[in-house]
């Protein structure tokens, strides 16, 4: 993998609404492999912060989501 691919995977992993399945579809990396990549590429403190952030987050797993795809739209907007 080249530097730009690794950078994009890290970016996708940090995004709240990008599920691990999307990373798998784009780059062929499983959730476990993404975690390994993040651990290898980030400082330990950054990795721990990321793990704390994504652990239990419904938006990172398609099967746990209560919405399909798309952006959030406030019910107050017309």
PDB file of N, CA and C in Angstrom:
ATOM      1  N   UNK A   1       0.835  -1.179   0.000  1.00  0.00           N
ATOM      2  CA  UNK A   1       0.000   0.000   0.000  1.00  0.00           C
ATOM      3  C   UNK A   1       0.885   1.250   0.000  1.00  0.00           C
ATOM      4  N   UNK A   2       0.483   2.251  -0.773  1.00  0.00           N
ATOM      5  CA  UNK A   2       1.286   3.473  -0.796  1.00  0.00           C
ATOM      6  C   UNK A   2       0.817   4.449   0.292  1.00  0.00           C
ATOM      7  N   UNK A   3       1.580   5.517   0.460  1.00  0.00           N
ATOM      8  CA  UNK A   3       1.306   6.478   1.527  1.00  0.00           C
ATOM      9  C   UNK A   3      -0.072   7.127   1.397  1.00  0.00           C
ATOM     10  N   UNK A   4      -0.492   7.408   0.181  1.00  0.00           N
ATOM     11  CA  UNK A   4      -1.793   8.061   0.006  1.00  0.00           C
ATOM     12  C   UNK A   4      -2.940   7.119   0.375  1.00  0.00           C
ATOM     13  N   UNK A   5      -2.793   5.818   0.087  1.00  0.00           N
ATOM     14  CA  UNK A   5      -3.810   4.845   0.489  1.00  0.00           C
ATOM     15  C   UNK A   5      -3.896   4.746   2.011  1.00  0.00           C
ATOM     16  N   UNK A   6      -2.742   4.664   2.661  1.00  0.00           N
ATOM     17  CA  UNK A   6      -2.704   4.582   4.116  1.00  0.00           C
ATOM     18  C   UNK A   6      -3.317   5.828   4.730  1.00  0.00           C
ATOM     19  N   UNK A   7      -2.988   6.980   4.194  1.00  0.00           N
ATOM     20  CA  UNK A   7      -3.537   8.240   4.676  1.00  0.00           C
ATOM     21  C   UNK A   7      -5.062   8.263   4.539  1.00  0.00           C
ATOM     22  N   UNK A   8      -5.562   7.797   3.398  1.00  0.00           N
ATOM     23  CA  UNK A   8      -7.010   7.778   3.166  1.00  0.00           C
ATOM     24  C   UNK A   8      -7.703   6.784   4.095  1.00  0.00           C
ATOM     25  N   UNK A   9      -7.098   5.642   4.349  1.00  0.00           N
ATOM     26  CA  UNK A   9      -7.689   4.659   5.264  1.00  0.00           C
ATOM     27  C   UNK A   9      -7.770   5.240   6.675  1.00  0.00           C
ATOM     28  N   UNK A  10      -6.716   5.902   7.114  1.00  0.00           N
ATOM     29  CA  UNK A  10      -6.724   6.533   8.435  1.00  0.00           C
ATOM     30  C   UNK A  10      -7.807   7.603   8.498  1.00  0.00           C
ATOM     31  N   UNK A  11      -7.924   8.391   7.449  1.00  0.00           N
ATOM     32  CA  UNK A  11      -8.961   9.426   7.386  1.00  0.00           C
ATOM     33  C   UNK A  11     -10.352   8.800   7.471  1.00  0.00           C
ATOM     34  N   UNK A  12     -10.574   7.735   6.719  1.00  0.00           N
ATOM     35  CA  UNK A  12     -11.878   7.065   6.735  1.00  0.00           C
ATOM     36  C   UNK A  12     -12.166   6.460   8.109  1.00  0.00           C
ATOM     37  N   UNK A  13     -11.138   5.916   8.752  1.00  0.00           N
ATOM     38  CA  UNK A  13     -11.310   5.305  10.072  1.00  0.00           C
ATOM     39  C   UNK A  13     -11.672   6.353  11.124  1.00  0.00           C
ATOM     40  N   UNK A  14     -11.141   7.570  11.003  1.00  0.00           N
ATOM     41  CA  UNK A  14     -11.445   8.637  11.956  1.00  0.00           C
ATOM     42  C   UNK A  14     -12.842   9.216  11.749  1.00  0.00           C
ATOM     43  N   UNK A  15     -13.368   9.133  10.527  1.00  0.00           N
ATOM     44  CA  UNK A  15     -14.690   9.696  10.247  1.00  0.00           C
ATOM     45  C   UNK A  15     -15.765   8.902  10.981  1.00  0.00           C
ATOM     46  N   UNK A  16     -16.684   9.599  11.604  1.00  0.00           N
ATOM     47  CA  UNK A  16     -17.729   8.943  12.385  1.00  0.00           C
ATOM     48  C   UNK A  16     -18.688   8.129  11.535  1.00  0.00           C
ATOM     49  N   UNK A  17     -19.039   8.616  10.386  1.00  0.00           N
ATOM     50  CA  UNK A  17     -20.074   7.964   9.588  1.00  0.00           C
ATOM     51  C   UNK A  17     -19.550   7.020   8.519  1.00  0.00           C
ATOM     52  N   UNK A  18     -18.252   6.797   8.484  1.00  0.00           N
ATOM     53  CA  UNK A  18     -17.696   5.853   7.527  1.00  0.00           C
ATOM     54  C   UNK A  18     -17.554   4.496   8.212  1.00  0.00           C
ATOM     55  N   UNK A  19     -18.359   3.517   7.810  1.00  0.00           N
ATOM     56  CA  UNK A  19     -18.288   2.201   8.468  1.00  0.00           C
ATOM     57  C   UNK A  19     -17.057   1.415   8.023  1.00  0.00           C
ATOM     58  N   UNK A  20     -16.685   0.449   8.836  1.00  0.00           N
ATOM     59  CA  UNK A  20     -15.560  -0.417   8.489  1.00  0.00           C
ATOM     60  C   UNK A  20     -15.844  -1.171   7.192  1.00  0.00           C
ATOM     61  N   UNK A  21     -17.110  -1.445   6.909  1.00  0.00           N
ATOM     62  CA  UNK A  21     -17.472  -2.136   5.668  1.00  0.00           C
ATOM     63  C   UNK A  21     -17.087  -1.321   4.436  1.00  0.00           C
ATOM     64  N   UNK A  22     -17.182  -0.001   4.518  1.00  0.00           N
ATOM     65  CA  UNK A  22     -16.796   0.863   3.398  1.00  0.00           C
ATOM     66  C   UNK A  22     -15.285   0.800   3.173  1.00  0.00           C
ATOM     67  N   UNK A  23     -14.530   0.723   4.253  1.00  0.00           N
ATOM     68  CA  UNK A  23     -13.078   0.589   4.136  1.00  0.00           C
ATOM     69  C   UNK A  23     -12.747  -0.767   3.514  1.00  0.00           C
ATOM     70  N   UNK A  24     -13.471  -1.803   3.917  1.00  0.00           N
ATOM     71  CA  UNK A  24     -13.257  -3.124   3.345  1.00  0.00           C
ATOM     72  C   UNK A  24     -13.563  -3.130   1.846  1.00  0.00           C
ATOM     73  N   UNK A  25     -14.680  -2.505   1.475  1.00  0.00           N
ATOM     74  CA  UNK A  25     -15.058  -2.457   0.056  1.00  0.00           C
ATOM     75  C   UNK A  25     -14.031  -1.698  -0.785  1.00  0.00           C
ATOM     76  N   UNK A  26     -13.481  -0.614  -0.226  1.00  0.00           N
ATOM     77  CA  UNK A  26     -12.550   0.211  -0.984  1.00  0.00           C
ATOM     78  C   UNK A  26     -11.120  -0.346  -0.991  1.00  0.00           C
ATOM     79  N   UNK A  27     -10.685  -0.915   0.133  1.00  0.00           N
ATOM     80  CA  UNK A  27      -9.280  -1.306   0.256  1.00  0.00           C
ATOM     81  C   UNK A  27      -9.061  -2.774   0.620  1.00  0.00           C
ATOM     82  N   UNK A  28     -10.137  -3.503   0.914  1.00  0.00           N
ATOM     83  CA  UNK A  28     -10.008  -4.922   1.233  1.00  0.00           C
ATOM     84  C   UNK A  28      -9.462  -5.214   2.618  1.00  0.00           C
ATOM     85  N   UNK A  29      -9.535  -4.237   3.528  1.00  0.00           N
ATOM     86  CA  UNK A  29      -9.047  -4.434   4.891  1.00  0.00           C
ATOM     87  C   UNK A  29     -10.218  -4.693   5.838  1.00  0.00           C
ATOM     88  N   UNK A  30     -10.104  -5.741   6.637  1.00  0.00           N
ATOM     89  CA  UNK A  30     -11.133  -6.040   7.631  1.00  0.00           C
ATOM     90  C   UNK A  30     -11.002  -5.057   8.799  1.00  0.00           C
ATOM     91  N   UNK A  31     -11.971  -5.081   9.694  1.00  0.00           N
ATOM     92  CA  UNK A  31     -11.930  -4.206  10.869  1.00  0.00           C
ATOM     93  C   UNK A  31     -10.661  -4.472  11.681  1.00  0.00           C
ATOM     94  N   UNK A  32     -10.318  -5.744  11.854  1.00  0.00           N
ATOM     95  CA  UNK A  32      -9.112  -6.115  12.605  1.00  0.00           C
ATOM     96  C   UNK A  32      -7.860  -5.571  11.925  1.00  0.00           C
ATOM     97  N   UNK A  33      -7.805  -5.641  10.611  1.00  0.00           N
ATOM     98  CA  UNK A  33      -6.648  -5.129   9.871  1.00  0.00           C
ATOM     99  C   UNK A  33      -6.568  -3.608   9.945  1.00  0.00           C
ATOM    100  N   UNK A  34      -7.714  -2.937   9.940  1.00  0.00           N
ATOM    101  CA  UNK A  34      -7.735  -1.476  10.083  1.00  0.00           C
ATOM    102  C   UNK A  34      -7.203  -1.094  11.459  1.00  0.00           C
ATOM    103  N   UNK A  35      -7.621  -1.818  12.488  1.00  0.00           N
ATOM    104  CA  UNK A  35      -7.128  -1.548  13.839  1.00  0.00           C
ATOM    105  C   UNK A  35      -5.618  -1.731  13.902  1.00  0.00           C
ATOM    106  N   UNK A  36      -5.105  -2.775  13.261  1.00  0.00           N
ATOM    107  CA  UNK A  36      -3.663  -3.012  13.226  1.00  0.00           C
ATOM    108  C   UNK A  36      -2.921  -1.912  12.492  1.00  0.00           C
ATOM    109  N   UNK A  37      -3.479  -1.469  11.378  1.00  0.00           N
ATOM    110  CA  UNK A  37      -2.878  -0.381  10.607  1.00  0.00           C
ATOM    111  C   UNK A  37      -2.847   0.902  11.430  1.00  0.00           C
ATOM    112  N   UNK A  38      -3.960   1.191  12.098  1.00  0.00           N
ATOM    113  CA  UNK A  38      -4.029   2.403  12.921  1.00  0.00           C
ATOM    114  C   UNK A  38      -2.998   2.333  14.050  1.00  0.00           C
ATOM    115  N   UNK A  39      -2.873   1.173  14.665  1.00  0.00           N
ATOM    116  CA  UNK A  39      -1.921   1.018  15.768  1.00  0.00           C
ATOM    117  C   UNK A  39      -0.487   1.193  15.281  1.00  0.00           C
ATOM    118  N   UNK A  40      -0.210   0.701  14.079  1.00  0.00           N
ATOM    119  CA  UNK A  40       1.144   0.804  13.528  1.00  0.00           C
ATOM    120  C   UNK A  40       1.474   2.218  13.060  1.00  0.00           C
ATOM    121  N   UNK A  41       0.480   2.955  12.587  1.00  0.00           N
ATOM    122  CA  UNK A  41       0.731   4.256  11.969  1.00  0.00           C
ATOM    123  C   UNK A  41       0.589   5.441  12.925  1.00  0.00           C
ATOM    124  N   UNK A  42      -0.214   5.297  13.965  1.00  0.00           N
ATOM    125  CA  UNK A  42      -0.464   6.409  14.877  1.00  0.00           C
ATOM    126  C   UNK A  42       0.411   6.315  16.118  1.00  0.00           C
ATOM    127  N   UNK A  43       0.577   7.450  16.783  1.00  0.00           N
ATOM    128  CA  UNK A  43       1.214   7.434  18.094  1.00  0.00           C
ATOM    129  C   UNK A  43       0.291   6.648  19.030  1.00  0.00           C
ATOM    130  N   UNK A  44       0.844   6.074  20.072  1.00  0.00           N
ATOM    131  CA  UNK A  44       0.058   5.257  20.996  1.00  0.00           C
ATOM    132  C   UNK A  44      -1.107   6.044  21.590  1.00  0.00           C
ATOM    133  N   UNK A  45      -0.861   7.289  21.973  1.00  0.00           N
ATOM    134  CA  UNK A  45      -1.928   8.100  22.569  1.00  0.00           C
ATOM    135  C   UNK A  45      -3.041   8.383  21.549  1.00  0.00           C
ATOM    136  N   UNK A  46      -2.676   8.616  20.303  1.00  0.00           N
ATOM    137  CA  UNK A  46      -3.671   8.857  19.253  1.00  0.00           C
ATOM    138  C   UNK A  46      -4.469   7.593  18.976  1.00  0.00           C
ATOM    139  N   UNK A  47      -3.791   6.445  18.966  1.00  0.00           N
ATOM    140  CA  UNK A  47      -4.471   5.175  18.750  1.00  0.00           C
ATOM    141  C   UNK A  47      -5.472   4.908  19.868  1.00  0.00           C
ATOM    142  N   UNK A  48      -5.061   5.129  21.118  1.00  0.00           N
ATOM    143  CA  UNK A  48      -5.963   4.908  22.252  1.00  0.00           C
ATOM    144  C   UNK A  48      -7.167   5.844  22.181  1.00  0.00           C
ATOM    145  N   UNK A  49      -6.960   7.076  21.787  1.00  0.00           N
ATOM    146  CA  UNK A  49      -8.052   8.037  21.631  1.00  0.00           C
ATOM    147  C   UNK A  49      -9.011   7.579  20.543  1.00  0.00           C
ATOM    148  N   UNK A  50      -8.471   7.097  19.418  1.00  0.00           N
ATOM    149  CA  UNK A  50      -9.306   6.599  18.320  1.00  0.00           C
ATOM    150  C   UNK A  50     -10.106   5.380  18.758  1.00  0.00           C
ATOM    151  N   UNK A  51      -9.454   4.426  19.438  1.00  0.00           N
ATOM    152  CA  UNK A  51     -10.148   3.213  19.890  1.00  0.00           C
ATOM    153  C   UNK A  51     -11.276   3.569  20.856  1.00  0.00           C
ATOM    154  N   UNK A  52     -11.019   4.502  21.752  1.00  0.00           N
ATOM    155  CA  UNK A  52     -12.055   4.940  22.695  1.00  0.00           C
ATOM    156  C   UNK A  52     -13.224   5.552  21.925  1.00  0.00           C
ATOM    157  N   UNK A  53     -12.901   6.275  20.877  1.00  0.00           N
ATOM    158  CA  UNK A  53     -13.923   6.953  20.079  1.00  0.00           C
ATOM    159  C   UNK A  53     -14.798   5.976  19.289  1.00  0.00           C
ATOM    160  N   UNK A  54     -14.198   4.944  18.696  1.00  0.00           N
ATOM    161  CA  UNK A  54     -14.969   4.041  17.833  1.00  0.00           C
ATOM    162  C   UNK A  54     -15.569   2.849  18.559  1.00  0.00           C
ATOM    163  N   UNK A  55     -15.106   2.539  19.746  1.00  0.00           N
ATOM    164  CA  UNK A  55     -15.627   1.392  20.477  1.00  0.00           C
ATOM    165  C   UNK A  55     -17.103   1.600  20.802  1.00  0.00           C
ATOM    166  N   UNK A  56     -17.918   0.692  20.296  1.00  0.00           N
ATOM    167  CA  UNK A  56     -19.352   0.760  20.557  1.00  0.00           C
ATOM    168  C   UNK A  56     -20.112   1.757  19.706  1.00  0.00           C
ATOM    169  N   UNK A  57     -19.422   2.449  18.802  1.00  0.00           N
ATOM    170  CA  UNK A  57     -20.084   3.452  17.960  1.00  0.00           C
ATOM    171  C   UNK A  57     -20.901   2.753  16.880  1.00  0.00           C
ATOM    172  N   UNK A  58     -22.192   3.003  16.878  1.00  0.00           N
ATOM    173  CA  UNK A  58     -23.093   2.342  15.940  1.00  0.00           C
ATOM    174  C   UNK A  58     -22.802   2.713  14.493  1.00  0.00           C
ATOM    175  N   UNK A  59     -22.337   3.913  14.247  1.00  0.00           N
ATOM    176  CA  UNK A  59     -22.126   4.364  12.871  1.00  0.00           C
ATOM    177  C   UNK A  59     -20.946   3.682  12.193  1.00  0.00           C
ATOM    178  N   UNK A  60     -20.061   3.046  12.954  1.00  0.00           N
ATOM    179  CA  UNK A  60     -18.910   2.377  12.361  1.00  0.00           C
ATOM    180  C   UNK A  60     -19.239   0.956  11.912  1.00  0.00           C
ATOM    181  N   UNK A  61     -20.434   0.471  12.232  1.00  0.00           N
ATOM    182  CA  UNK A  61     -20.852  -0.877  11.855  1.00  0.00           C
ATOM    183  C   UNK A  61     -22.220  -0.806  11.197  1.00  0.00           C
ATOM    184  N   UNK A  62     -22.299  -1.202   9.949  1.00  0.00           N
ATOM    185  CA  UNK A  62     -23.548  -1.096   9.188  1.00  0.00           C
ATOM    186  C   UNK A  62     -24.681  -1.850   9.863  1.00  0.00           C
ATOM    187  N   UNK A  63     -24.402  -3.007  10.440  1.00  0.00           N
ATOM    188  CA  UNK A  63     -25.463  -3.800  11.050  1.00  0.00           C
ATOM    189  C   UNK A  63     -26.039  -3.161  12.312  1.00  0.00           C
ATOM    190  N   UNK A  64     -25.308  -2.254  12.946  1.00  0.00           N
ATOM    191  CA  UNK A  64     -25.782  -1.595  14.160  1.00  0.00           C
ATOM    192  C   UNK A  64     -26.447  -0.249  13.894  1.00  0.00           C
ATOM    193  N   UNK A  65     -26.396   0.223  12.652  1.00  0.00           N
ATOM    194  CA  UNK A  65     -26.953   1.535  12.325  1.00  0.00           C
ATOM    195  C   UNK A  65     -28.474   1.521  12.383  1.00  0.00           C
ATOM    196  N   UNK A  66     -29.045   2.655  12.749  1.00  0.00           N
ATOM    197  CA  UNK A  66     -30.496   2.789  12.707  1.00  0.00           C
ATOM    198  C   UNK A  66     -30.920   3.648  11.509  1.00  0.00           C
ATOM    199  N   UNK A  67     -30.023   3.833  10.549  1.00  0.00           N
ATOM    200  CA  UNK A  67     -30.299   4.540   9.306  1.00  0.00           C
ATOM    201  C   UNK A  67     -29.560   3.805   8.195  1.00  0.00           C
ATOM    202  N   UNK A  68     -29.886   4.115   6.966  1.00  0.00           N
ATOM    203  CA  UNK A  68     -29.216   3.427   5.858  1.00  0.00           C
ATOM    204  C   UNK A  68     -27.976   4.202   5.462  1.00  0.00           C
ATOM    205  N   UNK A  69     -28.059   5.021   4.439  1.00  0.00           N
ATOM    206  CA  UNK A  69     -26.916   5.806   3.989  1.00  0.00           C
ATOM    207  C   UNK A  69     -27.353   7.245   3.783  1.00  0.00           C
ATOM    208  N   UNK A  70     -26.404   8.115   3.685  1.00  0.00           N
ATOM    209  CA  UNK A  70     -26.692   9.513   3.415  1.00  0.00           C
ATOM    210  C   UNK A  70     -26.347  10.407   4.577  1.00  0.00           C
ATOM    211  N   UNK A  71     -26.621  11.660   4.381  1.00  0.00           N
ATOM    212  CA  UNK A  71     -26.303  12.653   5.388  1.00  0.00           C
ATOM    213  C   UNK A  71     -27.473  12.866   6.312  1.00  0.00           C
ATOM    214  N   UNK A  72     -27.179  13.315   7.515  1.00  0.00           N
ATOM    215  CA  UNK A  72     -28.231  13.645   8.470  1.00  0.00           C
ATOM    216  C   UNK A  72     -28.942  14.908   8.015  1.00  0.00           C
ATOM    217  N   UNK A  73     -30.250  14.899   8.071  1.00  0.00           N
ATOM    218  CA  UNK A  73     -31.023  16.081   7.736  1.00  0.00           C
ATOM    219  C   UNK A  73     -31.935  16.375   8.912  1.00  0.00           C
ATOM    220  N   UNK A  74     -31.813  17.544   9.459  1.00  0.00           N
ATOM    221  CA  UNK A  74     -32.614  17.930  10.604  1.00  0.00           C
ATOM    222  C   UNK A  74     -34.091  17.982  10.235  1.00  0.00           C
ATOM    223  N   UNK A  75     -34.971  17.486  11.106  1.00  0.00           N
ATOM    224  CA  UNK A  75     -36.410  17.553  10.805  1.00  0.00           C
ATOM    225  C   UNK A  75     -36.924  18.995  10.821  1.00  0.00           C
ATOM    226  N   UNK A  76     -36.135  19.913  11.356  1.00  0.00           N
ATOM    227  CA  UNK A  76     -36.528  21.328  11.411  1.00  0.00           C
ATOM    228  C   UNK A  76     -36.294  22.053  10.091  1.00  0.00           C
ATOM    229  N   UNK A  77     -35.501  21.455   9.213  1.00  0.00           N
ATOM    230  CA  UNK A  77     -35.227  22.061   7.902  1.00  0.00           C
ATOM    231  C   UNK A  77     -36.272  21.619   6.904  1.00  0.00           C
ATOM    232  N   UNK A  78     -36.575  22.474   5.975  1.00  0.00           N
ATOM    233  CA  UNK A  78     -37.552  22.110   4.948  1.00  0.00           C
ATOM    234  C   UNK A  78     -36.885  21.765   3.663  1.00  0.00           C
TER     235      UNK A  78
END
